[in-house]
Amino acid sequence: MKIKRVFNAFLMVYILVVMNGCKIYSFTGTTLSADLKTFSIQNFSMAAAGGPQNMSLTFNEKLKEYYQRNTSLKFKNTDGDIHLEGSIIAYELSPVSATAGDRAAMNRLTITVEVKFVNKTNEQEDFEKEFTFYQDFPQEQSLTQAEPILVPKILDQLVLNIFNSTAASW
């Protein structure tokens, strides 16, 4: 009887310690501090030539939606506990591999985003860096044909990479 009470007390203490240690971790992979309550995203500008006209708007909405869906942070128009801003700085098309006739067998669409991240509760996490991602498509396909499929995929991956660098600390 006494052993059972000691075991139950030990188990209760263990559970409390484990639960307390998990307060900054979530099952979505975020490692945000419990002190953070809000996030803000200044609209990313389009500083690159080319690309769909609504690409920066699409990117902004994808980024906001991803944070709302994968964190408990509330969106604020300005002055959030964490803040992101930046611009799309490159939209490039380049050949990837050549055929015997010196023609491109595959083309690569690359998008680069420059991001400034500010964490008001932990300035050591602040950064400014570029995120780049690409998708390849066959030479037989024109950029106009490929864009509607490739641009959303690239933007989704850029959002994921930015989220992992800011909220998941991966």
Protein backbone atom coordinates (compact mmCIF):
# COMPACT_ATOMS: atom_id res chain seq x y z
CA MET A 1 0.00 0.00 0.00
CA LYS A 2 2.78 2.42 0.96
CA ILE A 3 4.79 1.45 -2.14
CA LYS A 4 1.77 2.18 -4.34
CA ARG A 5 1.41 5.68 -2.82
CA VAL A 6 5.11 6.41 -3.31
CA PHE A 7 4.91 5.15 -6.89
CA ASN A 8 1.82 7.29 -7.60
CA ALA A 9 3.53 10.36 -6.11
CA PHE A 10 6.64 9.70 -8.18
CA LEU A 11 4.54 9.22 -11.29
CA MET A 12 2.67 12.49 -10.67
CA VAL A 13 5.94 14.43 -10.23
CA TYR A 14 7.36 12.82 -13.35
CA ILE A 15 4.28 13.77 -15.41
CA LEU A 16 4.42 17.37 -14.15
CA VAL A 17 8.11 17.67 -15.02
CA VAL A 18 7.56 16.23 -18.50
CA MET A 19 4.55 18.44 -19.15
CA ASN A 20 6.42 21.53 -17.96
CA GLY A 21 9.36 20.72 -20.22
CA CYS A 22 7.10 20.54 -23.26
CA LYS A 23 5.62 24.00 -23.02
CA ILE A 24 7.62 25.39 -25.96
CA TYR A 25 7.26 22.37 -28.19
CA SER A 26 4.26 21.41 -30.24
CA PHE A 27 3.45 18.41 -32.36
CA THR A 28 3.63 20.59 -35.48
CA GLY A 29 7.37 20.93 -34.89
CA THR A 30 7.40 24.53 -33.69
CA THR A 31 9.78 25.56 -30.95
CA LEU A 32 8.34 28.99 -30.25
CA SER A 33 8.63 30.48 -26.80
CA ALA A 34 5.43 30.66 -24.75
CA ASP A 35 6.09 34.41 -24.45
CA LEU A 36 5.28 34.89 -28.13
CA LYS A 37 1.63 35.70 -28.77
CA THR A 38 1.49 37.50 -32.13
CA PHE A 39 3.14 37.61 -35.54
CA SER A 40 3.16 40.23 -38.26
CA ILE A 41 4.18 40.04 -41.88
CA GLN A 42 4.89 43.16 -43.86
CA ASN A 43 3.84 42.54 -47.42
CA PHE A 44 6.76 41.16 -49.42
CA SER A 45 7.47 43.30 -52.44
CA MET A 46 8.31 42.15 -55.94
CA ALA A 47 11.87 43.27 -56.68
CA ALA A 48 12.48 40.78 -59.49
CA ALA A 49 11.71 41.12 -63.15
CA GLY A 50 9.30 38.56 -64.50
CA GLY A 51 6.91 36.20 -62.88
CA PRO A 52 3.15 36.24 -62.49
CA GLN A 53 1.72 39.66 -61.58
CA ASN A 54 0.12 38.43 -58.36
CA MET A 55 3.13 36.39 -57.16
CA SER A 56 4.02 38.65 -54.19
CA LEU A 57 0.38 38.76 -53.05
CA THR A 58 0.12 34.97 -53.35
CA PHE A 59 3.37 34.54 -51.40
CA ASN A 60 2.19 36.89 -48.62
CA GLU A 61 -1.09 35.05 -48.21
CA LYS A 62 0.59 31.63 -48.21
CA LEU A 63 3.04 32.78 -45.52
CA LYS A 64 0.32 34.27 -43.27
CA GLU A 65 -1.89 31.22 -43.70
CA TYR A 66 0.95 28.83 -42.86
CA TYR A 67 1.75 30.63 -39.60
CA GLN A 68 -1.92 30.77 -38.63
CA ARG A 69 -2.42 27.09 -39.39
CA ASN A 70 0.75 25.80 -37.71
CA THR A 71 1.19 28.01 -34.65
CA SER A 72 -1.02 29.41 -31.91
CA LEU A 73 0.20 32.93 -32.73
CA LYS A 74 -2.38 35.56 -33.65
CA PHE A 75 -1.85 37.74 -36.71
CA LYS A 76 -1.33 41.49 -36.22
CA ASN A 77 -1.01 43.93 -39.09
CA THR A 78 2.09 45.52 -37.52
CA ASP A 79 4.38 45.15 -34.53
CA GLY A 80 3.97 41.43 -33.83
CA ASP A 81 6.14 39.59 -31.32
CA ILE A 82 7.77 38.03 -34.35
CA HIS A 83 7.92 39.98 -37.58
CA LEU A 84 8.80 39.04 -41.15
CA GLU A 85 9.47 41.31 -44.08
CA GLY A 86 11.35 41.19 -47.33
CA SER A 87 11.03 40.89 -51.05
CA ILE A 88 11.10 38.46 -53.94
CA ILE A 89 14.49 39.31 -55.42
CA ALA A 90 14.95 36.78 -58.21
CA TYR A 91 12.80 35.01 -60.76
CA GLU A 92 15.14 33.16 -63.09
CA LEU A 93 14.84 30.69 -65.91
CA SER A 94 17.96 28.69 -66.79
CA PRO A 95 18.84 25.56 -68.78
CA VAL A 96 19.71 22.54 -66.63
CA SER A 97 20.92 19.78 -68.92
CA ALA A 98 21.89 19.77 -72.56
CA THR A 99 21.06 17.29 -75.31
CA ALA A 100 23.41 16.14 -78.05
CA GLY A 101 22.38 19.13 -80.17
CA ASP A 102 23.33 21.66 -77.46
CA ARG A 103 19.70 22.32 -76.64
CA ALA A 104 18.32 22.33 -73.14
CA ALA A 105 16.65 19.06 -72.21
CA MET A 106 15.35 20.57 -68.98
CA ASN A 107 14.79 24.13 -67.83
CA ARG A 108 14.87 25.36 -64.25
CA LEU A 109 12.66 28.02 -62.73
CA THR A 110 14.25 29.51 -59.60
CA ILE A 111 12.70 31.98 -57.17
CA THR A 112 14.68 33.71 -54.42
CA VAL A 113 13.18 35.55 -51.47
CA GLU A 114 15.10 37.86 -49.15
CA VAL A 115 13.74 37.70 -45.59
CA LYS A 116 14.31 39.82 -42.51
CA PHE A 117 13.11 38.09 -39.34
CA VAL A 118 12.76 39.85 -35.97
CA ASN A 119 11.92 38.12 -32.69
CA LYS A 120 11.14 40.77 -30.05
CA THR A 121 11.64 38.37 -27.14
CA ASN A 122 14.94 36.90 -28.33
CA GLU A 123 17.11 39.13 -30.51
CA GLN A 124 19.63 36.31 -30.98
CA GLU A 125 17.16 34.65 -33.34
CA ASP A 126 16.92 37.71 -35.63
CA PHE A 127 18.31 37.25 -39.13
CA GLU A 128 18.41 38.52 -42.68
CA LYS A 129 18.94 35.87 -45.33
CA GLU A 130 17.91 34.61 -48.72
CA PHE A 131 15.80 31.54 -49.41
CA THR A 132 15.92 29.94 -52.84
CA PHE A 133 14.01 27.07 -54.35
CA TYR A 134 13.54 25.77 -57.88
CA GLN A 135 11.61 23.33 -60.02
CA ASP A 136 12.70 21.77 -63.30
CA PHE A 137 10.46 21.29 -66.32
CA PRO A 138 10.97 19.75 -69.79
CA GLN A 139 12.22 21.83 -72.69
CA GLU A 140 9.12 20.94 -74.70
CA GLN A 141 7.03 22.92 -72.23
CA SER A 142 7.01 26.71 -72.38
CA LEU A 143 7.42 28.87 -69.28
CA THR A 144 3.87 30.11 -69.78
CA GLN A 145 2.64 26.52 -69.61
CA ALA A 146 4.85 25.61 -66.63
CA GLU A 147 4.29 28.68 -64.42
CA PRO A 148 0.79 27.82 -63.14
CA ILE A 149 2.10 24.49 -61.85
CA LEU A 150 5.64 25.36 -60.78
CA VAL A 151 5.22 28.75 -59.09
CA PRO A 152 2.77 27.51 -56.42
CA LYS A 153 5.04 24.54 -55.67
CA ILE A 154 8.10 26.77 -55.35
CA LEU A 155 6.27 29.29 -53.17
CA ASP A 156 4.96 26.51 -50.92
CA GLN A 157 8.50 25.21 -50.41
CA LEU A 158 9.86 28.71 -49.73
CA VAL A 159 7.14 29.25 -47.12
CA LEU A 160 8.02 25.93 -45.49
CA ASN A 161 11.74 26.76 -45.46
CA ILE A 162 11.11 30.20 -43.95
CA PHE A 163 8.76 28.73 -41.35
CA ASN A 164 11.33 26.08 -40.40
CA SER A 165 14.02 28.75 -39.98
CA THR A 166 11.83 31.02 -37.87
CA ALA A 167 9.32 28.93 -35.95
CA ALA A 168 10.76 25.43 -35.97
CA SER A 169 14.46 26.34 -35.55
CA TRP A 170 15.50 23.54 -37.90
